């Protein structure tokens, strides 16, 4: 199962990496902090509606500006992976998980 994942403030996000492959799990805490511990309010690119789905809305495999892609809300424990679609021309980050 792996070690628990916490955000940069030490709050438990998920019990382990396997929990992220279960569709759209509810997080224990938001992933809203950057690596320096600062609030990272905004959206992140995900490309898929759930954690166990292949990306189908990915701005042409992340190489094209026209169109839209699935984004998550970094401040939400519910919509952290799927908060709708947004334009590929916008500047969003990504969430990184370290094993």
C-alpha atoms as a PDB file:
ATOM      1  CA  UNK A   1       0.000   0.000   0.000  1.00  0.00           C
ATOM      2  CA  UNK A   2       2.869   2.407   0.665  1.00  0.00           C
ATOM      3  CA  UNK A   3       3.420   5.156   3.161  1.00  0.00           C
ATOM      4  CA  UNK A   4       0.802   7.806   3.907  1.00  0.00           C
ATOM      5  CA  UNK A   5       0.967  10.952   1.773  1.00  0.00           C
ATOM      6  CA  UNK A   6       0.849  14.304   3.498  1.00  0.00           C
ATOM      7  CA  UNK A   7       0.868  17.812   2.091  1.00  0.00           C
ATOM      8  CA  UNK A   8       3.769  20.167   2.782  1.00  0.00           C
ATOM      9  CA  UNK A   9       2.077  21.353   5.995  1.00  0.00           C
ATOM     10  CA  UNK A  10       2.006  17.780   7.364  1.00  0.00           C
ATOM     11  CA  UNK A  11      -1.742  17.157   6.944  1.00  0.00           C
ATOM     12  CA  UNK A  12      -2.731  13.639   5.839  1.00  0.00           C
ATOM     13  CA  UNK A  13      -3.885  13.692   2.203  1.00  0.00           C
ATOM     14  CA  UNK A  14      -4.353   9.925   1.614  1.00  0.00           C
ATOM     15  CA  UNK A  15      -3.385   6.805   3.554  1.00  0.00           C
ATOM     16  CA  UNK A  16      -1.249   5.556   0.661  1.00  0.00           C
ATOM     17  CA  UNK A  17      -0.676   5.680  -3.094  1.00  0.00           C
ATOM     18  CA  UNK A  18      -3.140   2.832  -3.760  1.00  0.00           C
ATOM     19  CA  UNK A  19      -5.955   5.037  -2.479  1.00  0.00           C
ATOM     20  CA  UNK A  20      -5.529   7.382  -5.443  1.00  0.00           C
ATOM     21  CA  UNK A  21      -6.311   4.639  -7.956  1.00  0.00           C
ATOM     22  CA  UNK A  22      -9.823   4.086  -6.636  1.00  0.00           C
ATOM     23  CA  UNK A  23     -11.704   6.505  -8.870  1.00  0.00           C
ATOM     24  CA  UNK A  24     -12.195   9.832  -7.200  1.00  0.00           C
ATOM     25  CA  UNK A  25     -11.254   9.411  -3.556  1.00  0.00           C
ATOM     26  CA  UNK A  26     -12.075  11.997  -0.946  1.00  0.00           C
ATOM     27  CA  UNK A  27      -8.860  13.512   0.351  1.00  0.00           C
ATOM     28  CA  UNK A  28      -8.157  13.976   4.035  1.00  0.00           C
ATOM     29  CA  UNK A  29      -6.722  17.428   3.345  1.00  0.00           C
ATOM     30  CA  UNK A  30      -6.371  19.648   0.317  1.00  0.00           C
ATOM     31  CA  UNK A  31      -3.197  19.693  -1.745  1.00  0.00           C
ATOM     32  CA  UNK A  32      -3.059  23.441  -1.734  1.00  0.00           C
ATOM     33  CA  UNK A  33       0.470  24.117  -0.619  1.00  0.00           C
ATOM     34  CA  UNK A  34       3.514  24.426  -2.822  1.00  0.00           C
ATOM     35  CA  UNK A  35       6.852  22.801  -2.027  1.00  0.00           C
ATOM     36  CA  UNK A  36       7.891  25.867   0.000  1.00  0.00           C
ATOM     37  CA  UNK A  37       4.761  25.655   2.200  1.00  0.00           C
ATOM     38  CA  UNK A  38       2.959  28.584   0.585  1.00  0.00           C
ATOM     39  CA  UNK A  39      -0.744  28.421  -0.349  1.00  0.00           C
ATOM     40  CA  UNK A  40      -1.095  27.357  -3.987  1.00  0.00           C
ATOM     41  CA  UNK A  41      -4.631  28.473  -4.683  1.00  0.00           C
ATOM     42  CA  UNK A  42      -5.840  27.631  -8.142  1.00  0.00           C
ATOM     43  CA  UNK A  43      -6.481  24.876 -10.593  1.00  0.00           C
ATOM     44  CA  UNK A  44      -4.238  22.053 -11.744  1.00  0.00           C
ATOM     45  CA  UNK A  45      -4.251  20.068 -14.979  1.00  0.00           C
ATOM     46  CA  UNK A  46      -5.427  16.457 -14.645  1.00  0.00           C
ATOM     47  CA  UNK A  47      -6.785  15.509 -18.077  1.00  0.00           C
ATOM     48  CA  UNK A  48      -9.144  12.822 -16.753  1.00  0.00           C
ATOM     49  CA  UNK A  49     -12.372  12.840 -14.752  1.00  0.00           C
ATOM     50  CA  UNK A  50     -11.133  10.274 -12.195  1.00  0.00           C
ATOM     51  CA  UNK A  51      -7.812   8.925 -10.954  1.00  0.00           C
ATOM     52  CA  UNK A  52      -8.436   5.522 -12.529  1.00  0.00           C
ATOM     53  CA  UNK A  53      -9.364   6.809 -16.008  1.00  0.00           C
ATOM     54  CA  UNK A  54      -7.092   7.526 -18.935  1.00  0.00           C
ATOM     55  CA  UNK A  55      -6.786  11.192 -19.794  1.00  0.00           C
ATOM     56  CA  UNK A  56      -9.173  12.039 -22.611  1.00  0.00           C
ATOM     57  CA  UNK A  57      -9.209  15.843 -22.361  1.00  0.00           C
ATOM     58  CA  UNK A  58      -5.494  16.639 -22.354  1.00  0.00           C
ATOM     59  CA  UNK A  59      -4.923  19.536 -24.767  1.00  0.00           C
ATOM     60  CA  UNK A  60      -3.663  17.149 -27.441  1.00  0.00           C
ATOM     61  CA  UNK A  61      -1.443  15.167 -25.056  1.00  0.00           C
ATOM     62  CA  UNK A  62      -0.361  18.466 -23.459  1.00  0.00           C
ATOM     63  CA  UNK A  63       1.105  19.800 -26.680  1.00  0.00           C
ATOM     64  CA  UNK A  64      -1.699  21.914 -28.225  1.00  0.00           C
ATOM     65  CA  UNK A  65      -3.167  25.273 -27.212  1.00  0.00           C
ATOM     66  CA  UNK A  66      -6.662  25.032 -28.756  1.00  0.00           C
ATOM     67  CA  UNK A  67      -9.422  23.222 -26.920  1.00  0.00           C
ATOM     68  CA  UNK A  68      -9.949  22.340 -23.305  1.00  0.00           C
ATOM     69  CA  UNK A  69      -8.752  19.930 -20.645  1.00  0.00           C
ATOM     70  CA  UNK A  70      -9.960  18.569 -17.314  1.00  0.00           C
ATOM     71  CA  UNK A  71      -8.718  20.510 -14.307  1.00  0.00           C
ATOM     72  CA  UNK A  72      -8.826  19.947 -10.566  1.00  0.00           C
ATOM     73  CA  UNK A  73      -9.209  22.449  -7.728  1.00  0.00           C
ATOM     74  CA  UNK A  74      -6.126  22.430  -5.508  1.00  0.00           C
ATOM     75  CA  UNK A  75      -8.087  23.875  -2.574  1.00  0.00           C
ATOM     76  CA  UNK A  76     -10.795  21.194  -2.541  1.00  0.00           C
ATOM     77  CA  UNK A  77     -10.895  17.716  -1.014  1.00  0.00           C
ATOM     78  CA  UNK A  78     -13.901  16.894  -3.256  1.00  0.00           C
ATOM     79  CA  UNK A  79     -13.032  18.462  -6.633  1.00  0.00           C
ATOM     80  CA  UNK A  80      -9.266  18.124  -6.393  1.00  0.00           C
ATOM     81  CA  UNK A  81      -9.109  15.960  -9.522  1.00  0.00           C
ATOM     82  CA  UNK A  82     -12.198  16.968 -11.526  1.00  0.00           C
ATOM     83  CA  UNK A  83     -13.416  20.537 -11.265  1.00  0.00           C
ATOM     84  CA  UNK A  84     -14.561  20.705 -14.891  1.00  0.00           C
ATOM     85  CA  UNK A  85     -12.936  21.805 -18.135  1.00  0.00           C
ATOM     86  CA  UNK A  86     -10.847  24.860 -18.838  1.00  0.00           C
ATOM     87  CA  UNK A  87      -9.061  26.351 -21.822  1.00  0.00           C
ATOM     88  CA  UNK A  88      -5.694  24.903 -22.817  1.00  0.00           C
ATOM     89  CA  UNK A  89      -4.323  28.414 -23.283  1.00  0.00           C
ATOM     90  CA  UNK A  90      -4.494  29.069 -19.529  1.00  0.00           C
ATOM     91  CA  UNK A  91      -1.552  28.640 -17.176  1.00  0.00           C
ATOM     92  CA  UNK A  92      -2.214  26.039 -14.452  1.00  0.00           C
ATOM     93  CA  UNK A  93       0.098  23.843 -12.435  1.00  0.00           C
ATOM     94  CA  UNK A  94       0.133  20.114 -11.780  1.00  0.00           C
ATOM     95  CA  UNK A  95       0.049  18.118  -8.549  1.00  0.00           C
ATOM     96  CA  UNK A  96       3.120  15.992  -7.882  1.00  0.00           C
ATOM     97  CA  UNK A  97       3.089  12.993  -5.576  1.00  0.00           C
ATOM     98  CA  UNK A  98       6.359  11.589  -4.281  1.00  0.00           C
ATOM     99  CA  UNK A  99       6.404   7.885  -3.346  1.00  0.00           C
END
